[in-house]
Amino acid sequence: MPRSPELVWYASYGANMSLERFSCYLAGGVPPGGSRANPGCRDTAPPRARCAVWLPGGVYFALASRMWGGGLALYDPDLPGAAPARAYLVTSGQLGDFAAQEMYRSPDGDPDLARVPERGRLRLGAGRYETLVHCGDVDGHPVLTFTAHWPSAAVEPAAPAASYLGVIGSGLRGGHGWSARRSAAYLASRPGARGTWRSAQVAALLFEE
C-alpha cells in the first residue's frame, strides 16, 4: 500500500496566499481584517519552502465567510484555465491542522494522504473545504489544496468582502509578484466578484496597503 507522504505542498488560492494571514493558521491569532482567532497548528515550525504555482481550473466566490463576511474563495478544478496560488512545503500533520481550521475545528489528527488519488480528489466530509485535490507535484512532493466537493455551477455566486479581497490581493502580489492592478483585474473577474466589484475598486484596496 502507498504511504502517506511526510512533506506536501499546501497550495492556497485564497487568503492564505498572504504570509501574514497564513501565519495565523500556523501559529494562531486573528488575521488583520478578520473576526475570529485561529488556534494554530500543533507543530508551528515554518514551511520548509514556498513557491508560486498555478492550479488547473478556476476560483470563484460563493457561500458566506464567518471570518471575513461576504463570499468565500473556492476552487473548481473543472473550470477552464488556471488559478494562481501560493504553495508552502509543510508536514502532513500541518496540512491536516490547516484543514481542521478551515472548518473551524481544533486540530486533532493527521489525514491519510495516501488515499488521495494521483491528480484526483478525496472527499473527507460534506463541508466547503473538506475535499482534498491533488494538483500535481513540485520537486517530488504532491501539491494539495482544499475545496468543496460540489462544482461551481451548483451554488450561487456571492460577492466577497473588501477586507477579504485585500488579503487575497496582498498574497497575489507577494506570491506571484503581480502589480496591484493585475491582482485587482484578476480578482474582479472571478465569479461572485464580477459585476459587483470593479477592477479599480479592488486596486484601491491594494494601494491602501
N, C-alpha and C. Protein backbone atom coordinates (compact mmCIF):
# COMPACT_ATOMS: atom_id res chain seq x y z
N MET A 1 0.83 -1.20 0.00
CA MET A 1 0.00 0.00 0.00
C MET A 1 0.87 1.25 0.00
N PRO A 2 0.45 2.32 -0.69
CA PRO A 2 1.23 3.56 -0.68
C PRO A 2 1.24 4.17 0.71
N ARG A 3 2.34 4.87 1.01
CA ARG A 3 2.47 5.52 2.31
C ARG A 3 2.08 6.99 2.20
N SER A 4 1.57 7.54 3.29
CA SER A 4 1.26 8.96 3.34
C SER A 4 2.56 9.75 3.27
N PRO A 5 2.67 10.74 2.40
CA PRO A 5 3.93 11.49 2.29
C PRO A 5 4.21 12.29 3.55
N GLU A 6 5.49 12.41 3.89
CA GLU A 6 5.86 13.18 5.08
C GLU A 6 5.75 14.67 4.82
N LEU A 7 6.11 15.10 3.62
CA LEU A 7 6.06 16.51 3.26
C LEU A 7 5.15 16.69 2.04
N VAL A 8 4.37 17.76 2.07
CA VAL A 8 3.47 18.07 0.97
C VAL A 8 3.49 19.58 0.75
N TRP A 9 3.10 19.99 -0.44
CA TRP A 9 2.88 21.40 -0.72
C TRP A 9 1.40 21.72 -0.46
N TYR A 10 1.15 22.58 0.51
CA TYR A 10 -0.20 23.09 0.71
C TYR A 10 -0.36 24.31 -0.19
N ALA A 11 -1.26 24.23 -1.16
CA ALA A 11 -1.45 25.31 -2.12
C ALA A 11 -2.69 26.12 -1.75
N SER A 12 -2.51 27.39 -1.50
CA SER A 12 -3.62 28.29 -1.21
C SER A 12 -3.90 29.16 -2.43
N TYR A 13 -5.18 29.25 -2.76
CA TYR A 13 -5.63 30.12 -3.86
C TYR A 13 -6.43 31.31 -3.32
N GLY A 14 -6.53 31.39 -1.96
CA GLY A 14 -7.32 32.44 -1.33
C GLY A 14 -6.49 33.26 -0.36
N ALA A 15 -7.04 33.52 0.82
CA ALA A 15 -6.40 34.42 1.77
C ALA A 15 -5.05 33.92 2.26
N ASN A 16 -4.84 32.61 2.31
CA ASN A 16 -3.57 32.09 2.81
C ASN A 16 -2.41 32.28 1.85
N MET A 17 -2.67 32.87 0.68
CA MET A 17 -1.54 33.30 -0.14
C MET A 17 -0.77 34.41 0.57
N SER A 18 -1.45 35.16 1.44
CA SER A 18 -0.79 36.20 2.23
C SER A 18 -0.01 35.55 3.38
N LEU A 19 1.27 35.84 3.48
CA LEU A 19 2.08 35.26 4.56
C LEU A 19 1.56 35.67 5.93
N GLU A 20 1.07 36.90 6.04
CA GLU A 20 0.56 37.38 7.32
C GLU A 20 -0.67 36.58 7.73
N ARG A 21 -1.56 36.31 6.76
CA ARG A 21 -2.74 35.53 7.08
C ARG A 21 -2.36 34.07 7.36
N PHE A 22 -1.47 33.51 6.54
CA PHE A 22 -1.04 32.13 6.70
C PHE A 22 -0.42 31.90 8.07
N SER A 23 0.32 32.88 8.59
CA SER A 23 0.99 32.72 9.88
C SER A 23 -0.01 32.51 11.02
N CYS A 24 -1.25 33.01 10.85
CA CYS A 24 -2.27 32.80 11.89
C CYS A 24 -2.78 31.37 11.88
N TYR A 25 -2.80 30.71 10.74
CA TYR A 25 -3.12 29.30 10.68
C TYR A 25 -1.99 28.47 11.30
N LEU A 26 -0.77 28.95 11.11
CA LEU A 26 0.38 28.20 11.59
C LEU A 26 0.59 28.39 13.10
N ALA A 27 0.65 29.65 13.56
CA ALA A 27 0.99 29.94 14.95
C ALA A 27 -0.19 30.39 15.79
N GLY A 28 -1.34 30.64 15.16
CA GLY A 28 -2.51 31.10 15.88
C GLY A 28 -2.65 32.61 15.84
N GLY A 29 -3.87 33.10 16.10
CA GLY A 29 -4.11 34.53 16.16
C GLY A 29 -5.22 34.97 15.21
N VAL A 30 -5.54 36.25 15.29
CA VAL A 30 -6.58 36.85 14.45
C VAL A 30 -5.91 37.60 13.30
N PRO A 31 -6.24 37.28 12.06
CA PRO A 31 -5.62 37.98 10.93
C PRO A 31 -6.13 39.41 10.82
N PRO A 32 -5.34 40.33 10.30
CA PRO A 32 -5.81 41.70 10.09
C PRO A 32 -7.07 41.72 9.23
N GLY A 33 -8.11 42.38 9.71
CA GLY A 33 -9.37 42.43 8.99
C GLY A 33 -10.30 41.28 9.28
N GLY A 34 -9.83 40.26 9.98
CA GLY A 34 -10.65 39.09 10.31
C GLY A 34 -11.40 39.29 11.62
N SER A 35 -12.30 38.35 11.91
CA SER A 35 -13.13 38.48 13.11
C SER A 35 -13.02 37.30 14.06
N ARG A 36 -12.19 36.32 13.73
CA ARG A 36 -12.08 35.13 14.55
C ARG A 36 -10.61 34.77 14.74
N ALA A 37 -10.30 34.17 15.89
CA ALA A 37 -8.93 33.71 16.14
C ALA A 37 -8.76 32.28 15.65
N ASN A 38 -7.61 32.01 15.08
CA ASN A 38 -7.24 30.64 14.72
C ASN A 38 -6.41 30.04 15.85
N PRO A 39 -6.64 28.75 16.19
CA PRO A 39 -5.85 28.14 17.26
C PRO A 39 -4.41 27.88 16.87
N GLY A 40 -4.12 27.77 15.57
CA GLY A 40 -2.78 27.45 15.12
C GLY A 40 -2.54 25.95 15.04
N CYS A 41 -1.41 25.58 14.49
CA CYS A 41 -1.06 24.17 14.32
C CYS A 41 -0.41 23.62 15.59
N ARG A 42 -0.49 22.31 15.74
CA ARG A 42 0.23 21.65 16.83
C ARG A 42 1.74 21.77 16.63
N ASP A 43 2.16 21.75 15.38
CA ASP A 43 3.56 21.94 15.01
C ASP A 43 3.65 23.31 14.33
N THR A 44 4.27 24.26 14.99
CA THR A 44 4.32 25.63 14.45
C THR A 44 5.59 25.92 13.67
N ALA A 45 6.35 24.89 13.30
CA ALA A 45 7.57 25.09 12.52
C ALA A 45 7.22 25.76 11.19
N PRO A 46 8.03 26.69 10.72
CA PRO A 46 7.73 27.37 9.46
C PRO A 46 7.85 26.42 8.27
N PRO A 47 7.23 26.75 7.15
CA PRO A 47 7.35 25.90 5.96
C PRO A 47 8.81 25.72 5.54
N ARG A 48 9.11 24.55 5.00
CA ARG A 48 10.48 24.31 4.50
C ARG A 48 10.80 25.18 3.30
N ALA A 49 9.76 25.52 2.54
CA ALA A 49 9.93 26.33 1.33
C ALA A 49 8.57 26.87 0.93
N ARG A 50 8.56 27.81 0.03
CA ARG A 50 7.31 28.30 -0.55
C ARG A 50 7.58 28.70 -1.99
N CYS A 51 6.54 28.64 -2.80
CA CYS A 51 6.71 28.98 -4.22
C CYS A 51 5.36 29.35 -4.82
N ALA A 52 5.41 30.05 -5.94
CA ALA A 52 4.21 30.37 -6.70
C ALA A 52 3.87 29.19 -7.60
N VAL A 53 2.60 28.83 -7.66
CA VAL A 53 2.15 27.73 -8.52
C VAL A 53 0.87 28.15 -9.24
N TRP A 54 0.51 27.38 -10.24
CA TRP A 54 -0.75 27.54 -10.96
C TRP A 54 -1.52 26.23 -10.85
N LEU A 55 -2.77 26.32 -10.47
CA LEU A 55 -3.61 25.13 -10.33
C LEU A 55 -4.54 25.03 -11.54
N PRO A 56 -4.64 23.87 -12.16
CA PRO A 56 -5.57 23.73 -13.29
C PRO A 56 -7.00 23.91 -12.83
N GLY A 57 -7.74 24.83 -13.47
CA GLY A 57 -9.10 25.11 -13.05
C GLY A 57 -9.27 26.59 -12.76
N GLY A 58 -10.24 26.92 -11.91
CA GLY A 58 -10.52 28.32 -11.63
C GLY A 58 -11.07 28.53 -10.24
N VAL A 59 -11.05 29.80 -9.79
CA VAL A 59 -11.52 30.21 -8.47
C VAL A 59 -12.80 31.02 -8.63
N TYR A 60 -13.73 30.85 -7.70
CA TYR A 60 -14.97 31.62 -7.68
C TYR A 60 -15.30 31.95 -6.23
N PHE A 61 -16.23 32.88 -6.02
CA PHE A 61 -16.66 33.27 -4.67
C PHE A 61 -18.11 32.84 -4.47
N ALA A 62 -18.38 32.21 -3.32
CA ALA A 62 -19.73 31.74 -3.01
C ALA A 62 -19.86 31.56 -1.49
N LEU A 63 -21.05 31.21 -1.05
CA LEU A 63 -21.37 30.99 0.36
C LEU A 63 -21.12 32.26 1.18
N ALA A 64 -20.81 32.12 2.46
CA ALA A 64 -20.58 33.27 3.33
C ALA A 64 -19.49 32.94 4.33
N SER A 65 -18.54 33.83 4.47
CA SER A 65 -17.42 33.62 5.38
C SER A 65 -17.73 34.15 6.77
N ARG A 66 -17.51 33.32 7.78
CA ARG A 66 -17.68 33.77 9.16
C ARG A 66 -16.48 34.58 9.63
N MET A 67 -15.37 34.46 8.94
CA MET A 67 -14.17 35.23 9.28
C MET A 67 -14.22 36.63 8.69
N TRP A 68 -14.61 36.73 7.40
CA TRP A 68 -14.49 37.98 6.67
C TRP A 68 -15.84 38.62 6.34
N GLY A 69 -16.92 37.82 6.34
CA GLY A 69 -18.16 38.31 5.77
C GLY A 69 -18.05 38.22 4.24
N GLY A 70 -19.18 38.14 3.55
CA GLY A 70 -19.13 38.03 2.09
C GLY A 70 -18.74 36.65 1.62
N GLY A 71 -18.61 36.50 0.29
CA GLY A 71 -18.35 35.20 -0.30
C GLY A 71 -16.96 34.67 -0.01
N LEU A 72 -16.85 33.35 -0.03
CA LEU A 72 -15.58 32.64 0.17
C LEU A 72 -14.95 32.29 -1.17
N ALA A 73 -13.63 32.28 -1.21
CA ALA A 73 -12.92 31.78 -2.39
C ALA A 73 -12.96 30.26 -2.38
N LEU A 74 -13.43 29.69 -3.48
CA LEU A 74 -13.48 28.24 -3.66
C LEU A 74 -12.84 27.90 -5.00
N TYR A 75 -12.36 26.69 -5.11
CA TYR A 75 -11.63 26.25 -6.30
C TYR A 75 -12.40 25.13 -6.99
N ASP A 76 -12.55 25.26 -8.29
CA ASP A 76 -13.18 24.22 -9.09
C ASP A 76 -12.18 23.75 -10.13
N PRO A 77 -11.60 22.54 -9.95
CA PRO A 77 -10.59 22.07 -10.90
C PRO A 77 -11.13 21.80 -12.29
N ASP A 78 -12.45 21.79 -12.46
CA ASP A 78 -13.04 21.53 -13.77
C ASP A 78 -13.36 22.81 -14.55
N LEU A 79 -13.14 23.97 -13.95
CA LEU A 79 -13.31 25.21 -14.70
C LEU A 79 -12.16 25.37 -15.70
N PRO A 80 -12.39 26.08 -16.79
CA PRO A 80 -11.30 26.29 -17.75
C PRO A 80 -10.22 27.20 -17.20
N GLY A 81 -9.03 27.06 -17.73
CA GLY A 81 -7.94 27.95 -17.35
C GLY A 81 -7.09 27.42 -16.22
N ALA A 82 -6.43 28.36 -15.53
CA ALA A 82 -5.56 28.01 -14.41
C ALA A 82 -5.65 29.12 -13.37
N ALA A 83 -5.50 28.74 -12.10
CA ALA A 83 -5.65 29.67 -10.99
C ALA A 83 -4.31 29.90 -10.31
N PRO A 84 -3.93 31.15 -10.08
CA PRO A 84 -2.69 31.42 -9.34
C PRO A 84 -2.84 31.02 -7.88
N ALA A 85 -1.79 30.45 -7.32
CA ALA A 85 -1.81 30.02 -5.93
C ALA A 85 -0.40 30.12 -5.36
N ARG A 86 -0.33 30.02 -4.06
CA ARG A 86 0.97 30.04 -3.38
C ARG A 86 1.08 28.75 -2.58
N ALA A 87 2.19 28.05 -2.74
CA ALA A 87 2.36 26.75 -2.10
C ALA A 87 3.41 26.81 -1.00
N TYR A 88 3.11 26.10 0.09
CA TYR A 88 4.01 26.03 1.25
C TYR A 88 4.36 24.57 1.49
N LEU A 89 5.64 24.28 1.64
CA LEU A 89 6.09 22.91 1.89
C LEU A 89 6.01 22.64 3.40
N VAL A 90 5.04 21.80 3.78
CA VAL A 90 4.73 21.55 5.20
C VAL A 90 4.64 20.04 5.43
N THR A 91 4.48 19.66 6.68
CA THR A 91 4.29 18.25 7.00
C THR A 91 2.84 17.84 6.76
N SER A 92 2.62 16.54 6.65
CA SER A 92 1.26 16.05 6.50
C SER A 92 0.39 16.44 7.70
N GLY A 93 1.00 16.43 8.90
CA GLY A 93 0.26 16.81 10.09
C GLY A 93 -0.16 18.27 10.06
N GLN A 94 0.72 19.14 9.60
CA GLN A 94 0.37 20.56 9.48
C GLN A 94 -0.76 20.75 8.47
N LEU A 95 -0.69 20.02 7.37
CA LEU A 95 -1.77 20.13 6.38
C LEU A 95 -3.11 19.73 7.01
N GLY A 96 -3.11 18.66 7.81
CA GLY A 96 -4.34 18.26 8.49
C GLY A 96 -4.84 19.32 9.44
N ASP A 97 -3.90 20.03 10.10
CA ASP A 97 -4.30 21.09 11.02
C ASP A 97 -4.87 22.29 10.26
N PHE A 98 -4.32 22.59 9.08
CA PHE A 98 -4.89 23.65 8.26
C PHE A 98 -6.32 23.29 7.87
N ALA A 99 -6.51 22.03 7.48
CA ALA A 99 -7.84 21.58 7.05
C ALA A 99 -8.84 21.71 8.19
N ALA A 100 -8.44 21.33 9.40
CA ALA A 100 -9.34 21.43 10.54
C ALA A 100 -9.73 22.88 10.81
N GLN A 101 -8.76 23.78 10.74
CA GLN A 101 -9.04 25.19 11.00
C GLN A 101 -9.91 25.82 9.91
N GLU A 102 -9.77 25.34 8.68
CA GLU A 102 -10.64 25.82 7.61
C GLU A 102 -12.11 25.53 7.93
N MET A 103 -12.36 24.46 8.68
CA MET A 103 -13.72 24.08 9.03
C MET A 103 -14.06 24.48 10.47
N TYR A 104 -13.26 25.41 11.04
CA TYR A 104 -13.49 25.93 12.39
C TYR A 104 -13.47 24.84 13.46
N ARG A 105 -12.58 23.87 13.26
CA ARG A 105 -12.39 22.83 14.26
C ARG A 105 -10.98 22.92 14.84
N SER A 106 -10.79 22.36 16.01
CA SER A 106 -9.46 22.32 16.61
C SER A 106 -8.64 21.21 15.97
N PRO A 107 -7.37 21.47 15.67
CA PRO A 107 -6.52 20.43 15.09
C PRO A 107 -6.43 19.23 16.02
N ASP A 108 -6.66 18.03 15.46
CA ASP A 108 -6.69 16.85 16.35
C ASP A 108 -6.29 15.56 15.67
N GLY A 109 -5.79 15.59 14.45
CA GLY A 109 -5.42 14.32 13.82
C GLY A 109 -4.73 14.54 12.49
N ASP A 110 -4.08 13.50 12.02
CA ASP A 110 -3.36 13.57 10.75
C ASP A 110 -4.15 12.85 9.65
N PRO A 111 -4.33 13.49 8.49
CA PRO A 111 -5.06 12.83 7.41
C PRO A 111 -4.24 11.73 6.76
N ASP A 112 -4.91 10.75 6.22
CA ASP A 112 -4.24 9.67 5.49
C ASP A 112 -4.12 10.11 4.03
N LEU A 113 -3.03 10.81 3.74
CA LEU A 113 -2.88 11.38 2.40
C LEU A 113 -2.57 10.33 1.35
N ALA A 114 -2.23 9.12 1.78
CA ALA A 114 -2.01 8.05 0.81
C ALA A 114 -3.30 7.71 0.07
N ARG A 115 -4.44 8.13 0.61
CA ARG A 115 -5.73 7.84 -0.02
C ARG A 115 -6.07 8.83 -1.13
N VAL A 116 -5.31 9.93 -1.24
CA VAL A 116 -5.62 10.92 -2.26
C VAL A 116 -5.15 10.40 -3.61
N PRO A 117 -6.05 10.22 -4.58
CA PRO A 117 -5.64 9.70 -5.89
C PRO A 117 -4.69 10.66 -6.59
N GLU A 118 -3.76 10.12 -7.38
CA GLU A 118 -2.86 10.97 -8.14
C GLU A 118 -3.67 11.84 -9.09
N ARG A 119 -3.46 13.16 -8.98
CA ARG A 119 -4.21 14.15 -9.76
C ARG A 119 -5.72 13.91 -9.65
N GLY A 120 -6.14 13.55 -8.44
CA GLY A 120 -7.55 13.30 -8.19
C GLY A 120 -8.01 14.00 -6.92
N ARG A 121 -9.15 13.54 -6.39
CA ARG A 121 -9.76 14.20 -5.24
C ARG A 121 -10.14 13.16 -4.19
N LEU A 122 -10.12 13.62 -2.94
CA LEU A 122 -10.55 12.78 -1.83
C LEU A 122 -11.52 13.60 -0.98
N ARG A 123 -12.75 13.14 -0.91
CA ARG A 123 -13.75 13.84 -0.10
C ARG A 123 -13.65 13.37 1.34
N LEU A 124 -13.30 14.29 2.24
CA LEU A 124 -13.16 13.97 3.65
C LEU A 124 -14.43 14.24 4.43
N GLY A 125 -15.32 15.07 3.88
CA GLY A 125 -16.56 15.43 4.54
C GLY A 125 -17.43 16.25 3.62
N ALA A 126 -18.53 16.74 4.15
CA ALA A 126 -19.51 17.47 3.33
C ALA A 126 -19.30 18.97 3.32
N GLY A 127 -18.30 19.46 4.05
CA GLY A 127 -18.10 20.90 4.19
C GLY A 127 -17.49 21.58 3.00
N ARG A 128 -17.41 22.90 3.11
CA ARG A 128 -16.95 23.73 1.99
C ARG A 128 -15.46 23.57 1.69
N TYR A 129 -14.67 23.14 2.68
CA TYR A 129 -13.24 22.94 2.46
C TYR A 129 -12.84 21.54 2.92
N GLU A 130 -13.64 20.54 2.59
CA GLU A 130 -13.34 19.19 3.06
C GLU A 130 -13.09 18.20 1.92
N THR A 131 -12.72 18.71 0.76
CA THR A 131 -12.28 17.84 -0.32
C THR A 131 -10.85 18.21 -0.68
N LEU A 132 -9.97 17.23 -0.60
CA LEU A 132 -8.56 17.42 -0.97
C LEU A 132 -8.38 17.16 -2.45
N VAL A 133 -7.65 18.04 -3.11
CA VAL A 133 -7.38 17.89 -4.54
C VAL A 133 -5.88 17.83 -4.76
N HIS A 134 -5.44 16.80 -5.47
CA HIS A 134 -4.03 16.67 -5.83
C HIS A 134 -3.84 17.37 -7.18
N CYS A 135 -3.04 18.44 -7.18
CA CYS A 135 -2.89 19.29 -8.37
C CYS A 135 -1.56 19.10 -9.09
N GLY A 136 -0.87 18.02 -8.81
CA GLY A 136 0.42 17.78 -9.44
C GLY A 136 1.51 17.63 -8.40
N ASP A 137 2.75 17.79 -8.81
CA ASP A 137 3.89 17.63 -7.92
C ASP A 137 4.92 18.72 -8.21
N VAL A 138 5.64 19.12 -7.18
CA VAL A 138 6.76 20.05 -7.31
C VAL A 138 7.93 19.48 -6.52
N ASP A 139 9.05 19.30 -7.18
CA ASP A 139 10.26 18.76 -6.54
C ASP A 139 9.99 17.44 -5.83
N GLY A 140 9.13 16.61 -6.39
CA GLY A 140 8.88 15.29 -5.85
C GLY A 140 7.86 15.23 -4.73
N HIS A 141 7.26 16.36 -4.39
CA HIS A 141 6.24 16.39 -3.33
C HIS A 141 4.89 16.76 -3.92
N PRO A 142 3.81 16.13 -3.47
CA PRO A 142 2.49 16.42 -4.02
C PRO A 142 2.00 17.82 -3.64
N VAL A 143 1.32 18.46 -4.60
CA VAL A 143 0.69 19.76 -4.37
C VAL A 143 -0.78 19.50 -4.07
N LEU A 144 -1.22 19.88 -2.87
CA LEU A 144 -2.59 19.60 -2.43
C LEU A 144 -3.29 20.89 -2.02
N THR A 145 -4.58 20.95 -2.28
CA THR A 145 -5.38 22.08 -1.83
C THR A 145 -6.73 21.58 -1.35
N PHE A 146 -7.48 22.46 -0.68
CA PHE A 146 -8.81 22.12 -0.18
C PHE A 146 -9.86 22.90 -0.95
N THR A 147 -11.00 22.29 -1.16
CA THR A 147 -12.14 23.00 -1.73
C THR A 147 -13.41 22.23 -1.38
N ALA A 148 -14.51 22.66 -1.97
CA ALA A 148 -15.79 21.97 -1.76
C ALA A 148 -15.92 20.80 -2.71
N HIS A 149 -16.78 19.86 -2.38
CA HIS A 149 -16.95 18.69 -3.25
C HIS A 149 -17.87 18.97 -4.42
N TRP A 150 -18.59 20.11 -4.39
CA TRP A 150 -19.53 20.40 -5.47
C TRP A 150 -18.87 21.24 -6.56
N PRO A 151 -19.42 21.25 -7.78
CA PRO A 151 -18.91 22.13 -8.84
C PRO A 151 -19.40 23.56 -8.63
N SER A 152 -18.73 24.51 -9.25
CA SER A 152 -19.10 25.92 -9.08
C SER A 152 -20.53 26.19 -9.53
N ALA A 153 -21.02 25.45 -10.53
CA ALA A 153 -22.37 25.68 -11.05
C ALA A 153 -23.46 25.28 -10.06
N ALA A 154 -23.10 24.56 -8.99
CA ALA A 154 -24.10 24.07 -8.05
C ALA A 154 -24.47 25.08 -6.97
N VAL A 155 -23.74 26.20 -6.88
CA VAL A 155 -24.00 27.20 -5.84
C VAL A 155 -24.13 28.58 -6.46
N GLU A 156 -24.84 29.47 -5.77
CA GLU A 156 -24.98 30.84 -6.22
C GLU A 156 -23.70 31.62 -5.91
N PRO A 157 -23.21 32.40 -6.86
CA PRO A 157 -22.05 33.25 -6.55
C PRO A 157 -22.40 34.27 -5.47
N ALA A 158 -21.39 34.67 -4.69
CA ALA A 158 -21.60 35.66 -3.63
C ALA A 158 -20.40 36.60 -3.61
N ALA A 159 -20.68 37.89 -3.54
CA ALA A 159 -19.61 38.89 -3.58
C ALA A 159 -18.75 38.84 -2.32
N PRO A 160 -17.43 38.86 -2.47
CA PRO A 160 -16.54 38.85 -1.30
C PRO A 160 -16.46 40.23 -0.65
N ALA A 161 -16.04 40.24 0.62
CA ALA A 161 -15.87 41.49 1.37
C ALA A 161 -14.58 42.18 0.97
N ALA A 162 -14.53 43.49 1.20
CA ALA A 162 -13.35 44.28 0.86
C ALA A 162 -12.11 43.78 1.58
N SER A 163 -12.24 43.48 2.88
CA SER A 163 -11.08 43.03 3.63
C SER A 163 -10.53 41.72 3.10
N TYR A 164 -11.42 40.85 2.66
CA TYR A 164 -11.01 39.55 2.11
C TYR A 164 -10.27 39.73 0.79
N LEU A 165 -10.81 40.57 -0.07
CA LEU A 165 -10.14 40.84 -1.34
C LEU A 165 -8.77 41.46 -1.10
N GLY A 166 -8.67 42.32 -0.10
CA GLY A 166 -7.39 42.94 0.19
C GLY A 166 -6.33 41.93 0.60
N VAL A 167 -6.73 40.95 1.41
CA VAL A 167 -5.78 39.92 1.86
C VAL A 167 -5.37 39.03 0.69
N ILE A 168 -6.34 38.62 -0.13
CA ILE A 168 -6.00 37.77 -1.28
C ILE A 168 -5.10 38.53 -2.24
N GLY A 169 -5.45 39.80 -2.48
CA GLY A 169 -4.62 40.62 -3.37
C GLY A 169 -3.20 40.77 -2.86
N SER A 170 -3.05 40.94 -1.56
CA SER A 170 -1.72 41.02 -0.96
C SER A 170 -0.94 39.73 -1.21
N GLY A 171 -1.63 38.60 -1.12
CA GLY A 171 -0.99 37.32 -1.38
C GLY A 171 -0.56 37.15 -2.82
N LEU A 172 -1.39 37.64 -3.74
CA LEU A 172 -1.01 37.58 -5.16
C LEU A 172 0.22 38.43 -5.43
N ARG A 173 0.27 39.58 -4.81
CA ARG A 173 1.41 40.48 -5.02
C ARG A 173 2.68 39.88 -4.43
N GLY A 174 2.56 39.32 -3.22
CA GLY A 174 3.74 38.75 -2.59
C GLY A 174 4.15 37.42 -3.17
N GLY A 175 3.17 36.59 -3.53
CA GLY A 175 3.47 35.26 -4.02
C GLY A 175 3.85 35.19 -5.47
N HIS A 176 3.17 35.99 -6.30
CA HIS A 176 3.42 35.95 -7.74
C HIS A 176 4.13 37.19 -8.26
N GLY A 177 4.31 38.18 -7.40
CA GLY A 177 4.98 39.40 -7.84
C GLY A 177 4.13 40.27 -8.74
N TRP A 178 2.81 40.10 -8.66
CA TRP A 178 1.92 40.89 -9.51
C TRP A 178 1.80 42.31 -8.99
N SER A 179 1.48 43.22 -9.90
CA SER A 179 1.17 44.59 -9.51
C SER A 179 -0.22 44.63 -8.88
N ALA A 180 -0.52 45.74 -8.21
CA ALA A 180 -1.86 45.91 -7.63
C ALA A 180 -2.92 45.86 -8.73
N ARG A 181 -2.64 46.46 -9.87
CA ARG A 181 -3.64 46.49 -10.95
C ARG A 181 -3.89 45.11 -11.53
N ARG A 182 -2.83 44.33 -11.71
CA ARG A 182 -3.02 42.97 -12.25
C ARG A 182 -3.78 42.11 -11.24
N SER A 183 -3.41 42.21 -9.98
CA SER A 183 -4.11 41.45 -8.95
C SER A 183 -5.58 41.83 -8.90
N ALA A 184 -5.86 43.13 -8.99
CA ALA A 184 -7.24 43.61 -8.93
C ALA A 184 -8.05 43.14 -10.13
N ALA A 185 -7.44 43.18 -11.31
CA ALA A 185 -8.16 42.74 -12.51
C ALA A 185 -8.52 41.27 -12.42
N TYR A 186 -7.61 40.47 -11.91
CA TYR A 186 -7.90 39.04 -11.74
C TYR A 186 -9.04 38.83 -10.76
N LEU A 187 -8.97 39.46 -9.58
CA LEU A 187 -9.99 39.24 -8.56
C LEU A 187 -11.36 39.74 -9.00
N ALA A 188 -11.39 40.89 -9.67
CA ALA A 188 -12.67 41.44 -10.12
C ALA A 188 -13.31 40.60 -11.20
N SER A 189 -12.53 39.75 -11.87
CA SER A 189 -13.06 38.91 -12.94
C SER A 189 -13.62 37.58 -12.44
N ARG A 190 -13.42 37.27 -11.15
CA ARG A 190 -13.86 35.99 -10.61
C ARG A 190 -15.37 35.98 -10.41
N PRO A 191 -16.04 34.85 -10.75
CA PRO A 191 -17.47 34.74 -10.47
C PRO A 191 -17.76 35.03 -9.00
N GLY A 192 -18.76 35.82 -8.76
CA GLY A 192 -19.07 36.28 -7.41
C GLY A 192 -18.61 37.71 -7.22
N ALA A 193 -17.39 38.00 -7.62
CA ALA A 193 -16.89 39.39 -7.58
C ALA A 193 -17.31 40.14 -8.84
N ARG A 194 -17.31 39.42 -9.95
CA ARG A 194 -17.64 40.04 -11.24
C ARG A 194 -19.04 40.64 -11.21
N GLY A 195 -19.15 41.89 -11.61
CA GLY A 195 -20.44 42.56 -11.62
C GLY A 195 -20.74 43.33 -10.35
N THR A 196 -20.01 43.03 -9.27
CA THR A 196 -20.16 43.76 -8.01
C THR A 196 -18.93 44.62 -7.73
N TRP A 197 -17.78 44.06 -7.97
CA TRP A 197 -16.52 44.77 -7.77
C TRP A 197 -15.90 45.14 -9.12
N ARG A 198 -15.52 46.39 -9.27
CA ARG A 198 -14.77 46.82 -10.45
C ARG A 198 -13.28 46.71 -10.15
N SER A 199 -12.51 46.51 -11.20
CA SER A 199 -11.06 46.36 -11.02
C SER A 199 -10.46 47.56 -10.29
N ALA A 200 -10.92 48.77 -10.64
CA ALA A 200 -10.38 49.97 -10.00
C ALA A 200 -10.69 50.00 -8.51
N GLN A 201 -11.84 49.50 -8.13
CA GLN A 201 -12.20 49.46 -6.70
C GLN A 201 -11.29 48.51 -5.93
N VAL A 202 -11.03 47.35 -6.53
CA VAL A 202 -10.15 46.38 -5.86
C VAL A 202 -8.73 46.92 -5.80
N ALA A 203 -8.28 47.55 -6.88
CA ALA A 203 -6.93 48.12 -6.89
C ALA A 203 -6.77 49.17 -5.80
N ALA A 204 -7.83 49.95 -5.55
CA ALA A 204 -7.76 50.96 -4.49
C ALA A 204 -7.54 50.31 -3.13
N LEU A 205 -8.12 49.14 -2.91
CA LEU A 205 -7.89 48.42 -1.66
C LEU A 205 -6.43 48.03 -1.51
N LEU A 206 -5.83 47.62 -2.62
CA LEU A 206 -4.45 47.16 -2.57
C LEU A 206 -3.46 48.31 -2.47
N PHE A 207 -3.79 49.45 -3.07
CA PHE A 207 -2.91 50.60 -2.96
C PHE A 207 -2.92 51.19 -1.55
N GLU A 208 -3.95 50.83 -0.74
CA GLU A 208 -4.02 51.32 0.63
C GLU A 208 -3.09 50.57 1.57
N GLU A 209 -2.52 49.47 1.12
CA GLU A 209 -1.65 48.67 2.00
C GLU A 209 -0.46 49.49 2.51
